[in-house]
Amino acid sequence: MGARDLGALLLLGALWGASFIFIRVAVPVLGPFVLVDLRVLLAAAALVLCAVVGGRFPKLRSNWRRFLGLGFLNAAVPFTLIAASEINLTASLAAILNSTTPLFAAVVAAVWIREVLTPRRIGGLLLGIVGVAVVVGWTPVTLSPVVLLSIGASLAAALCYGFGGVYAKRSFSGQPPLGMAIGQQAAAGLLLLPPSVVSLPEEAPSPAVVISVLSLALLSTALAYLLYFRLISSVGPTNTLTVTFLVPVFGLLFGALFLDEPVGVGTLAGLVIILSSVALVTEIRLFGKGREEKRA
């Protein structure tokens, strides 16, 4: 991986890590439905503009039913669950819990498309359960019933991403990535429009909330997707998946720096355990060549 690709990977991790900060600032004011609908609609508009300027506007109409499924599983539901959870959770805790996505994806792939669960992956899944238990049981956040429900919502979002990833693999093989990004965000925006209309905030948002929404949509969603798909093309999916290790680290760092969120020993220990489990499940090697490069 060259310096340019490494820089893009770090930027992608920072953008997705920062998304939890933007959500934490905006969701108490706008509510999860309005916030997420603004996020996906603004991101879709920005991606459409990029496609038009680049002369690469994809054909979307023939796949609209599948895009509705992708938008539901991979954006509308998980984005809303994460936003709802951050009403009561810190941004850093939400980021760490979301890093369990590859663990859920492995289970969904094993059940849905019969992908083999090797002993290494099974060990990683068990280790991931331990990591979540450490993060939840040793967190500086007081564990009330509402907080536990929010933790469950955050983990359910990771499970939705697992279903969304497998659905995309089965339904969009060979499709242009930019078209998938536009279709997913636009479909999610349409699905979330009815609950958003009936839950509009009663007061105008502050400048900090407006900036957070714009940053979430344009930087952490539209730009992040463009970086993600560029990395997929240039360094392959295995190397790109290492962003999984960067997102919770940036989320934890940004939460402590900008929101003054507490970072306990249990949070750090749980983060290390979860990321170790992700390394086992995804079979990524942080040092040296990964499995994909060895086959090439």
C-alpha atoms as a PDB file:
ATOM      1  CA  MET A   1       0.000   0.000   0.000  1.00  0.00           C
ATOM      2  CA  GLY A   2       1.502   3.311  -1.118  1.00  0.00           C
ATOM      3  CA  ALA A   3       1.594   6.539   0.831  1.00  0.00           C
ATOM      4  CA  ARG A   4      -1.411   7.972  -1.034  1.00  0.00           C
ATOM      5  CA  ASP A   5      -3.558   4.910  -0.354  1.00  0.00           C
ATOM      6  CA  LEU A   6      -2.444   4.825   3.283  1.00  0.00           C
ATOM      7  CA  GLY A   7      -3.411   8.479   3.639  1.00  0.00           C
ATOM      8  CA  ALA A   8      -6.812   7.770   2.080  1.00  0.00           C
ATOM      9  CA  LEU A   9      -7.319   4.862   4.493  1.00  0.00           C
ATOM     10  CA  LEU A  10      -6.462   7.025   7.498  1.00  0.00           C
ATOM     11  CA  LEU A  11      -8.774   9.789   6.253  1.00  0.00           C
ATOM     12  CA  LEU A  12     -11.597   7.281   5.766  1.00  0.00           C
ATOM     13  CA  GLY A  13     -11.129   5.985   9.318  1.00  0.00           C
ATOM     14  CA  ALA A  14     -11.158   9.538  10.648  1.00  0.00           C
ATOM     15  CA  LEU A  15     -14.302  10.484   8.689  1.00  0.00           C
ATOM     16  CA  TRP A  16     -16.238   7.440   9.834  1.00  0.00           C
ATOM     17  CA  GLY A  17     -14.932   7.854  13.386  1.00  0.00           C
ATOM     18  CA  ALA A  18     -16.024  11.498  13.373  1.00  0.00           C
ATOM     19  CA  SER A  19     -19.540  10.502  12.272  1.00  0.00           C
ATOM     20  CA  PHE A  20     -20.283   9.355  15.831  1.00  0.00           C
ATOM     21  CA  ILE A  21     -19.323  12.816  17.114  1.00  0.00           C
ATOM     22  CA  PHE A  22     -21.574  14.576  14.608  1.00  0.00           C
ATOM     23  CA  ILE A  23     -24.471  12.262  15.509  1.00  0.00           C
ATOM     24  CA  ARG A  24     -23.953  12.816  19.242  1.00  0.00           C
ATOM     25  CA  VAL A  25     -24.204  16.598  18.764  1.00  0.00           C
ATOM     26  CA  ALA A  26     -27.195  16.630  16.411  1.00  0.00           C
ATOM     27  CA  VAL A  27     -29.479  13.771  17.442  1.00  0.00           C
ATOM     28  CA  PRO A  28     -30.736  15.213  20.771  1.00  0.00           C
ATOM     29  CA  VAL A  29     -32.070  18.219  18.840  1.00  0.00           C
ATOM     30  CA  LEU A  30     -33.300  16.697  15.570  1.00  0.00           C
ATOM     31  CA  GLY A  31     -34.186  13.178  16.645  1.00  0.00           C
ATOM     32  CA  PRO A  32     -32.923  10.046  14.875  1.00  0.00           C
ATOM     33  CA  PHE A  33     -35.368  10.000  11.921  1.00  0.00           C
ATOM     34  CA  VAL A  34     -34.871  13.608  10.815  1.00  0.00           C
ATOM     35  CA  LEU A  35     -31.111  13.465  11.334  1.00  0.00           C
ATOM     36  CA  VAL A  36     -30.638  10.267   9.345  1.00  0.00           C
ATOM     37  CA  ASP A  37     -32.990  11.364   6.563  1.00  0.00           C
ATOM     38  CA  LEU A  38     -31.044  14.595   6.148  1.00  0.00           C
ATOM     39  CA  ARG A  39     -27.823  12.597   6.208  1.00  0.00           C
ATOM     40  CA  VAL A  40     -28.731  10.210   3.410  1.00  0.00           C
ATOM     41  CA  LEU A  41     -30.600  12.691   1.197  1.00  0.00           C
ATOM     42  CA  LEU A  42     -27.806  15.271   1.307  1.00  0.00           C
ATOM     43  CA  ALA A  43     -25.224  12.543   0.722  1.00  0.00           C
ATOM     44  CA  ALA A  44     -27.212  11.180  -2.247  1.00  0.00           C
ATOM     45  CA  ALA A  45     -27.441  14.678  -3.749  1.00  0.00           C
ATOM     46  CA  ALA A  46     -23.689  15.186  -3.366  1.00  0.00           C
ATOM     47  CA  LEU A  47     -22.918  11.788  -4.939  1.00  0.00           C
ATOM     48  CA  VAL A  48     -25.284  12.501  -7.842  1.00  0.00           C
ATOM     49  CA  LEU A  49     -23.475  15.799  -8.422  1.00  0.00           C
ATOM     50  CA  CYS A  50     -20.134  13.981  -8.451  1.00  0.00           C
ATOM     51  CA  ALA A  51     -21.497  11.437 -10.943  1.00  0.00           C
ATOM     52  CA  VAL A  52     -22.862  14.152 -13.245  1.00  0.00           C
ATOM     53  CA  VAL A  53     -19.658  16.200 -13.144  1.00  0.00           C
ATOM     54  CA  GLY A  54     -17.599  13.080 -13.819  1.00  0.00           C
ATOM     55  CA  GLY A  55     -19.882  11.996 -16.654  1.00  0.00           C
ATOM     56  CA  ARG A  56     -20.461   8.614 -14.989  1.00  0.00           C
ATOM     57  CA  PHE A  57     -24.105   8.739 -13.929  1.00  0.00           C
ATOM     58  CA  PRO A  58     -25.196   5.131 -13.351  1.00  0.00           C
ATOM     59  CA  LYS A  59     -28.460   3.473 -14.407  1.00  0.00           C
ATOM     60  CA  LEU A  60     -30.588   3.068 -11.290  1.00  0.00           C
ATOM     61  CA  ARG A  61     -34.186   2.604 -12.418  1.00  0.00           C
ATOM     62  CA  SER A  62     -33.953  -1.092 -13.315  1.00  0.00           C
ATOM     63  CA  ASN A  63     -32.663  -1.968  -9.816  1.00  0.00           C
ATOM     64  CA  TRP A  64     -35.010   0.193  -7.738  1.00  0.00           C
ATOM     65  CA  ARG A  65     -36.533  -2.734  -5.805  1.00  0.00           C
ATOM     66  CA  ARG A  66     -33.108  -4.062  -4.842  1.00  0.00           C
ATOM     67  CA  PHE A  67     -31.962  -0.575  -3.898  1.00  0.00           C
ATOM     68  CA  LEU A  68     -34.911  -0.311  -1.522  1.00  0.00           C
ATOM     69  CA  GLY A  69     -33.730  -3.519   0.144  1.00  0.00           C
ATOM     70  CA  LEU A  70     -30.143  -2.288   0.310  1.00  0.00           C
ATOM     71  CA  GLY A  71     -31.179   1.130   1.593  1.00  0.00           C
ATOM     72  CA  PHE A  72     -33.329  -0.478   4.276  1.00  0.00           C
ATOM     73  CA  LEU A  73     -30.708  -2.970   5.524  1.00  0.00           C
ATOM     74  CA  ASN A  74     -27.489  -1.028   5.029  1.00  0.00           C
ATOM     75  CA  ALA A  75     -28.506   2.572   5.762  1.00  0.00           C
ATOM     76  CA  ALA A  76     -32.030   3.412   6.966  1.00  0.00           C
ATOM     77  CA  VAL A  77     -32.254   0.897   9.824  1.00  0.00           C
ATOM     78  CA  PRO A  78     -28.626   0.839  11.089  1.00  0.00           C
ATOM     79  CA  PHE A  79     -28.147   4.619  10.759  1.00  0.00           C
ATOM     80  CA  THR A  80     -31.367   5.204  12.708  1.00  0.00           C
ATOM     81  CA  LEU A  81     -30.491   2.658  15.401  1.00  0.00           C
ATOM     82  CA  ILE A  82     -27.055   4.219  15.896  1.00  0.00           C
ATOM     83  CA  ALA A  83     -28.535   7.715  16.079  1.00  0.00           C
ATOM     84  CA  ALA A  84     -31.181   6.595  18.569  1.00  0.00           C
ATOM     85  CA  SER A  85     -28.572   4.838  20.705  1.00  0.00           C
ATOM     86  CA  GLU A  86     -26.394   7.958  20.881  1.00  0.00           C
ATOM     87  CA  ILE A  87     -29.106   9.877  22.657  1.00  0.00           C
ATOM     88  CA  ASN A  88     -28.001   7.921  25.735  1.00  0.00           C
ATOM     89  CA  LEU A  89     -24.538   6.570  24.816  1.00  0.00           C
ATOM     90  CA  THR A  90     -21.262   8.389  24.364  1.00  0.00           C
ATOM     91  CA  ALA A  91     -19.936   8.670  20.820  1.00  0.00           C
ATOM     92  CA  SER A  92     -16.855   6.642  21.726  1.00  0.00           C
ATOM     93  CA  LEU A  93     -18.879   3.743  23.172  1.00  0.00           C
ATOM     94  CA  ALA A  94     -21.151   3.705  20.105  1.00  0.00           C
ATOM     95  CA  ALA A  95     -18.096   3.622  17.819  1.00  0.00           C
ATOM     96  CA  ILE A  96     -16.582   0.690  19.703  1.00  0.00           C
ATOM     97  CA  LEU A  97     -19.833  -1.296  19.659  1.00  0.00           C
ATOM     98  CA  ASN A  98     -20.198  -0.631  15.925  1.00  0.00           C
ATOM     99  CA  SER A  99     -16.772  -2.182  15.319  1.00  0.00           C
ATOM    100  CA  THR A 100     -18.421  -5.578  15.918  1.00  0.00           C
ATOM    101  CA  THR A 101     -19.949  -5.362  12.412  1.00  0.00           C
ATOM    102  CA  PRO A 102     -17.491  -7.877  10.842  1.00  0.00           C
ATOM    103  CA  LEU A 103     -18.364 -10.382  13.587  1.00  0.00           C
ATOM    104  CA  PHE A 104     -22.074 -10.194  12.774  1.00  0.00           C
ATOM    105  CA  ALA A 105     -21.299 -10.251   9.047  1.00  0.00           C
ATOM    106  CA  ALA A 106     -19.413 -13.541   9.482  1.00  0.00           C
ATOM    107  CA  VAL A 107     -22.383 -15.138  11.254  1.00  0.00           C
ATOM    108  CA  VAL A 108     -24.895 -13.844   8.685  1.00  0.00           C
ATOM    109  CA  ALA A 109     -22.707 -15.060   5.798  1.00  0.00           C
ATOM    110  CA  ALA A 110     -22.387 -18.498   7.396  1.00  0.00           C
ATOM    111  CA  VAL A 111     -26.168 -18.850   7.799  1.00  0.00           C
ATOM    112  CA  TRP A 112     -27.323 -17.103   4.613  1.00  0.00           C
ATOM    113  CA  ILE A 113     -24.753 -18.051   1.954  1.00  0.00           C
ATOM    114  CA  ARG A 114     -23.106 -20.993   3.750  1.00  0.00           C
ATOM    115  CA  GLU A 115     -19.725 -19.285   4.065  1.00  0.00           C
ATOM    116  CA  VAL A 116     -17.409 -21.509   6.082  1.00  0.00           C
ATOM    117  CA  LEU A 117     -16.761 -20.636   9.721  1.00  0.00           C
ATOM    118  CA  THR A 118     -13.212 -21.809  10.321  1.00  0.00           C
ATOM    119  CA  PRO A 119     -11.932 -22.534  13.849  1.00  0.00           C
ATOM    120  CA  ARG A 120     -10.047 -19.223  13.691  1.00  0.00           C
ATOM    121  CA  ARG A 121     -13.247 -17.339  12.921  1.00  0.00           C
ATOM    122  CA  ILE A 122     -15.217 -19.157  15.606  1.00  0.00           C
ATOM    123  CA  GLY A 123     -12.513 -18.256  18.110  1.00  0.00           C
ATOM    124  CA  GLY A 124     -12.751 -14.638  16.939  1.00  0.00           C
ATOM    125  CA  LEU A 125     -16.528 -14.603  17.428  1.00  0.00           C
ATOM    126  CA  LEU A 126     -16.205 -15.947  20.968  1.00  0.00           C
ATOM    127  CA  LEU A 127     -13.494 -13.400  21.718  1.00  0.00           C
ATOM    128  CA  GLY A 128     -15.742 -10.674  20.342  1.00  0.00           C
ATOM    129  CA  ILE A 129     -18.482 -11.639  22.784  1.00  0.00           C
ATOM    130  CA  VAL A 130     -15.955 -11.297  25.600  1.00  0.00           C
ATOM    131  CA  GLY A 131     -14.928  -7.883  24.279  1.00  0.00           C
ATOM    132  CA  VAL A 132     -18.502  -6.605  24.201  1.00  0.00           C
ATOM    133  CA  ALA A 133     -19.062  -7.911  27.742  1.00  0.00           C
ATOM    134  CA  VAL A 134     -15.950  -6.066  28.940  1.00  0.00           C
ATOM    135  CA  VAL A 135     -16.955  -2.803  27.230  1.00  0.00           C
ATOM    136  CA  VAL A 136     -20.522  -2.942  28.547  1.00  0.00           C
ATOM    137  CA  GLY A 137     -19.748  -4.244  32.012  1.00  0.00           C
ATOM    138  CA  TRP A 138     -16.731  -2.017  32.649  1.00  0.00           C
ATOM    139  CA  THR A 139     -17.923   1.213  31.064  1.00  0.00           C
ATOM    140  CA  PRO A 140     -17.813   4.609  32.817  1.00  0.00           C
ATOM    141  CA  VAL A 141     -21.447   5.116  31.701  1.00  0.00           C
ATOM    142  CA  THR A 142     -24.056   4.207  34.326  1.00  0.00           C
ATOM    143  CA  LEU A 143     -25.885   1.053  33.210  1.00  0.00           C
ATOM    144  CA  SER A 144     -29.559   1.975  33.455  1.00  0.00           C
ATOM    145  CA  PRO A 145     -32.294   0.084  31.539  1.00  0.00           C
ATOM    146  CA  VAL A 146     -32.347   2.864  28.915  1.00  0.00           C
ATOM    147  CA  VAL A 147     -28.574   2.642  28.444  1.00  0.00           C
ATOM    148  CA  LEU A 148     -28.736  -1.149  28.099  1.00  0.00           C
ATOM    149  CA  LEU A 149     -31.498  -0.754  25.498  1.00  0.00           C
ATOM    150  CA  SER A 150     -29.323   1.752  23.651  1.00  0.00           C
ATOM    151  CA  ILE A 151     -26.393  -0.675  23.702  1.00  0.00           C
ATOM    152  CA  GLY A 152     -28.711  -3.312  22.235  1.00  0.00           C
ATOM    153  CA  ALA A 153     -29.759  -0.875  19.501  1.00  0.00           C
ATOM    154  CA  SER A 154     -26.124  -0.175  18.629  1.00  0.00           C
ATOM    155  CA  LEU A 155     -25.349  -3.894  18.379  1.00  0.00           C
ATOM    156  CA  ALA A 156     -28.530  -4.418  16.323  1.00  0.00           C
ATOM    157  CA  ALA A 157     -27.219  -1.787  13.904  1.00  0.00           C
ATOM    158  CA  ALA A 158     -24.018  -3.800  13.496  1.00  0.00           C
ATOM    159  CA  LEU A 159     -26.157  -6.882  12.797  1.00  0.00           C
ATOM    160  CA  CYS A 160     -28.076  -4.937  10.120  1.00  0.00           C
ATOM    161  CA  TYR A 161     -24.788  -4.002   8.465  1.00  0.00           C
ATOM    162  CA  GLY A 162     -23.981  -7.716   8.407  1.00  0.00           C
ATOM    163  CA  PHE A 163     -27.245  -8.475   6.586  1.00  0.00           C
ATOM    164  CA  GLY A 164     -26.733  -5.476   4.302  1.00  0.00           C
ATOM    165  CA  GLY A 165     -23.244  -6.583   3.297  1.00  0.00           C
ATOM    166  CA  VAL A 166     -24.367 -10.108   2.408  1.00  0.00           C
ATOM    167  CA  TYR A 167     -27.436  -8.773   0.567  1.00  0.00           C
ATOM    168  CA  ALA A 168     -25.230  -6.443  -1.484  1.00  0.00           C
ATOM    169  CA  LYS A 169     -22.884  -9.318  -2.314  1.00  0.00           C
ATOM    170  CA  ARG A 170     -25.777 -11.480  -3.521  1.00  0.00           C
ATOM    171  CA  SER A 171     -27.821  -8.822  -5.319  1.00  0.00           C
ATOM    172  CA  PHE A 172     -25.332  -6.336  -6.776  1.00  0.00           C
ATOM    173  CA  SER A 173     -22.471  -8.419  -8.113  1.00  0.00           C
ATOM    174  CA  GLY A 174     -20.722  -6.505 -10.892  1.00  0.00           C
ATOM    175  CA  GLN A 175     -22.672  -3.294 -10.285  1.00  0.00           C
ATOM    176  CA  PRO A 176     -20.783   0.044 -10.333  1.00  0.00           C
ATOM    177  CA  PRO A 177     -19.913   1.046  -6.736  1.00  0.00           C
ATOM    178  CA  LEU A 178     -20.937   4.680  -7.256  1.00  0.00           C
ATOM    179  CA  GLY A 179     -24.362   3.563  -8.452  1.00  0.00           C
ATOM    180  CA  MET A 180     -24.736   1.357  -5.382  1.00  0.00           C
ATOM    181  CA  ALA A 181     -23.838   4.280  -3.109  1.00  0.00           C
ATOM    182  CA  ILE A 182     -26.310   6.645  -4.795  1.00  0.00           C
ATOM    183  CA  GLY A 183     -29.086   4.050  -4.918  1.00  0.00           C
ATOM    184  CA  GLN A 184     -28.595   3.052  -1.294  1.00  0.00           C
ATOM    185  CA  GLN A 185     -28.654   6.594   0.084  1.00  0.00           C
ATOM    186  CA  ALA A 186     -31.571   7.732  -2.092  1.00  0.00           C
ATOM    187  CA  ALA A 187     -33.640   4.653  -1.216  1.00  0.00           C
ATOM    188  CA  ALA A 188     -32.942   5.116   2.491  1.00  0.00           C
ATOM    189  CA  GLY A 189     -33.982   8.765   2.220  1.00  0.00           C
ATOM    190  CA  LEU A 190     -37.329   7.807   0.661  1.00  0.00           C
ATOM    191  CA  LEU A 191     -37.970   5.110   3.274  1.00  0.00           C
ATOM    192  CA  LEU A 192     -37.275   7.526   6.133  1.00  0.00           C
ATOM    193  CA  LEU A 193     -39.293  10.403   4.714  1.00  0.00           C
ATOM    194  CA  PRO A 194     -42.676   9.488   6.347  1.00  0.00           C
ATOM    195  CA  PRO A 195     -41.348   9.085   9.937  1.00  0.00           C
ATOM    196  CA  SER A 196     -39.211  12.198   9.482  1.00  0.00           C
ATOM    197  CA  VAL A 197     -42.145  14.372   8.441  1.00  0.00           C
ATOM    198  CA  VAL A 198     -44.122  13.457  11.564  1.00  0.00           C
ATOM    199  CA  SER A 199     -41.162  13.993  13.920  1.00  0.00           C
ATOM    200  CA  LEU A 200     -39.861  17.390  12.861  1.00  0.00           C
ATOM    201  CA  PRO A 201     -38.184  19.354  15.699  1.00  0.00           C
ATOM    202  CA  GLU A 202     -40.147  22.175  17.267  1.00  0.00           C
ATOM    203  CA  GLU A 203     -37.209  24.595  17.424  1.00  0.00           C
ATOM    204  CA  ALA A 204     -34.635  25.717  14.891  1.00  0.00           C
ATOM    205  CA  PRO A 205     -31.282  23.921  15.199  1.00  0.00           C
ATOM    206  CA  SER A 206     -28.223  25.779  16.434  1.00  0.00           C
ATOM    207  CA  PRO A 207     -25.229  26.487  14.144  1.00  0.00           C
ATOM    208  CA  ALA A 208     -23.352  23.596  15.813  1.00  0.00           C
ATOM    209  CA  VAL A 209     -26.162  21.197  14.889  1.00  0.00           C
ATOM    210  CA  VAL A 210     -26.318  22.489  11.302  1.00  0.00           C
ATOM    211  CA  ILE A 211     -22.553  22.085  10.908  1.00  0.00           C
ATOM    212  CA  SER A 212     -22.745  18.584  12.376  1.00  0.00           C
ATOM    213  CA  VAL A 213     -25.493  17.548   9.934  1.00  0.00           C
ATOM    214  CA  LEU A 214     -23.628  18.931   6.922  1.00  0.00           C
ATOM    215  CA  SER A 215     -20.376  17.316   8.051  1.00  0.00           C
ATOM    216  CA  LEU A 216     -22.125  13.995   8.674  1.00  0.00           C
ATOM    217  CA  ALA A 217     -23.767  13.996   5.231  1.00  0.00           C
ATOM    218  CA  LEU A 218     -21.047  15.479   3.042  1.00  0.00           C
ATOM    219  CA  LEU A 219     -17.877  14.312   4.780  1.00  0.00           C
ATOM    220  CA  SER A 220     -18.692  11.174   6.776  1.00  0.00           C
ATOM    221  CA  THR A 221     -21.109   9.774   4.173  1.00  0.00           C
ATOM    222  CA  ALA A 222     -20.623  11.146   0.618  1.00  0.00           C
ATOM    223  CA  LEU A 223     -16.854  11.739   0.707  1.00  0.00           C
ATOM    224  CA  ALA A 224     -16.280   8.648   2.842  1.00  0.00           C
ATOM    225  CA  TYR A 225     -18.068   6.438   0.312  1.00  0.00           C
ATOM    226  CA  LEU A 226     -16.006   7.872  -2.541  1.00  0.00           C
ATOM    227  CA  LEU A 227     -12.809   7.140  -0.597  1.00  0.00           C
ATOM    228  CA  TYR A 228     -14.039   3.674   0.302  1.00  0.00           C
ATOM    229  CA  PHE A 229     -14.782   2.685  -3.282  1.00  0.00           C
ATOM    230  CA  ARG A 230     -11.509   4.207  -4.499  1.00  0.00           C
ATOM    231  CA  LEU A 231      -9.621   2.068  -1.988  1.00  0.00           C
ATOM    232  CA  ILE A 232     -11.556  -1.039  -2.993  1.00  0.00           C
ATOM    233  CA  SER A 233     -10.346  -0.491  -6.569  1.00  0.00           C
ATOM    234  CA  SER A 234      -6.752   0.413  -5.750  1.00  0.00           C
ATOM    235  CA  VAL A 235      -5.758  -1.852  -2.835  1.00  0.00           C
ATOM    236  CA  GLY A 236      -8.528  -4.475  -2.715  1.00  0.00           C
ATOM    237  CA  PRO A 237     -11.249  -5.306  -0.185  1.00  0.00           C
ATOM    238  CA  THR A 238      -8.978  -6.996   2.370  1.00  0.00           C
ATOM    239  CA  ASN A 239      -6.668  -4.002   2.807  1.00  0.00           C
ATOM    240  CA  THR A 240      -9.645  -1.637   2.768  1.00  0.00           C
ATOM    241  CA  LEU A 241     -11.310  -3.624   5.549  1.00  0.00           C
ATOM    242  CA  THR A 242      -8.488  -2.585   7.876  1.00  0.00           C
ATOM    243  CA  VAL A 243     -10.455   0.665   8.259  1.00  0.00           C
ATOM    244  CA  THR A 244     -12.508  -1.372  10.769  1.00  0.00           C
ATOM    245  CA  PHE A 245      -9.594  -1.016  13.179  1.00  0.00           C
ATOM    246  CA  LEU A 246      -9.269   2.738  12.664  1.00  0.00           C
ATOM    247  CA  VAL A 247     -12.893   3.864  13.082  1.00  0.00           C
ATOM    248  CA  PRO A 248     -13.322   3.060  16.822  1.00  0.00           C
ATOM    249  CA  VAL A 249      -9.866   4.465  17.584  1.00  0.00           C
ATOM    250  CA  PHE A 250     -10.754   7.781  15.944  1.00  0.00           C
ATOM    251  CA  GLY A 251     -14.219   7.693  17.547  1.00  0.00           C
ATOM    252  CA  LEU A 252     -12.661   7.217  20.972  1.00  0.00           C
ATOM    253  CA  LEU A 253     -10.065   9.940  20.353  1.00  0.00           C
ATOM    254  CA  PHE A 254     -12.545  12.492  18.994  1.00  0.00           C
ATOM    255  CA  GLY A 255     -15.038  11.782  21.770  1.00  0.00           C
ATOM    256  CA  ALA A 256     -12.405  12.471  24.428  1.00  0.00           C
ATOM    257  CA  LEU A 257     -10.971  15.550  22.678  1.00  0.00           C
ATOM    258  CA  PHE A 258     -14.101  17.353  21.479  1.00  0.00           C
ATOM    259  CA  LEU A 259     -16.898  16.125  23.753  1.00  0.00           C
ATOM    260  CA  ASP A 260     -14.856  15.516  26.908  1.00  0.00           C
ATOM    261  CA  GLU A 261     -16.155  11.942  27.124  1.00  0.00           C
ATOM    262  CA  PRO A 262     -14.719   9.690  29.851  1.00  0.00           C
ATOM    263  CA  VAL A 263     -12.399   6.893  28.785  1.00  0.00           C
ATOM    264  CA  GLY A 264     -12.097   4.108  31.352  1.00  0.00           C
ATOM    265  CA  VAL A 265      -9.788   1.133  31.562  1.00  0.00           C
ATOM    266  CA  GLY A 266     -12.665  -1.167  30.605  1.00  0.00           C
ATOM    267  CA  THR A 267     -13.319   0.856  27.454  1.00  0.00           C
ATOM    268  CA  LEU A 268      -9.715   0.510  26.306  1.00  0.00           C
ATOM    269  CA  ALA A 269      -9.515  -3.164  27.270  1.00  0.00           C
ATOM    270  CA  GLY A 270     -12.777  -3.960  25.507  1.00  0.00           C
ATOM    271  CA  LEU A 271     -11.631  -2.082  22.403  1.00  0.00           C
ATOM    272  CA  VAL A 272      -8.425  -4.118  22.197  1.00  0.00           C
ATOM    273  CA  ILE A 273     -10.319  -7.398  22.672  1.00  0.00           C
ATOM    274  CA  ILE A 274     -12.958  -6.549  20.052  1.00  0.00           C
ATOM    275  CA  LEU A 275     -10.383  -5.458  17.484  1.00  0.00           C
ATOM    276  CA  SER A 276      -8.395  -8.628  18.128  1.00  0.00           C
ATOM    277  CA  SER A 277     -11.545 -10.655  17.491  1.00  0.00           C
ATOM    278  CA  VAL A 278     -12.176  -8.727  14.270  1.00  0.00           C
ATOM    279  CA  ALA A 279      -8.635  -9.531  13.124  1.00  0.00           C
ATOM    280  CA  LEU A 280      -9.324 -13.237  13.678  1.00  0.00           C
ATOM    281  CA  VAL A 281     -12.730 -13.241  11.983  1.00  0.00           C
ATOM    282  CA  THR A 282     -11.675 -11.203   8.942  1.00  0.00           C
ATOM    283  CA  GLU A 283      -8.292 -12.989   8.775  1.00  0.00           C
ATOM    284  CA  ILE A 284      -6.542  -9.660   8.339  1.00  0.00           C
ATOM    285  CA  ARG A 285      -2.888  -9.342   9.246  1.00  0.00           C
ATOM    286  CA  LEU A 286      -2.002  -5.905  10.501  1.00  0.00           C
ATOM    287  CA  PHE A 287       1.677  -6.504   9.726  1.00  0.00           C
ATOM    288  CA  GLY A 288       2.837  -8.174   6.566  1.00  0.00           C
ATOM    289  CA  LYS A 289       0.741  -9.411   3.689  1.00  0.00           C
ATOM    290  CA  GLY A 290      -2.842 -10.466   4.185  1.00  0.00           C
ATOM    291  CA  ARG A 291      -4.593 -13.480   2.822  1.00  0.00           C
ATOM    292  CA  GLU A 292      -5.740 -11.748  -0.374  1.00  0.00           C
ATOM    293  CA  GLU A 293      -2.227 -10.662  -1.392  1.00  0.00           C
ATOM    294  CA  LYS A 294      -0.796 -14.132  -0.776  1.00  0.00           C
ATOM    295  CA  ARG A 295      -3.266 -15.628  -3.251  1.00  0.00           C
ATOM    296  CA  ALA A 296      -2.352 -13.089  -5.940  1.00  0.00           C
END
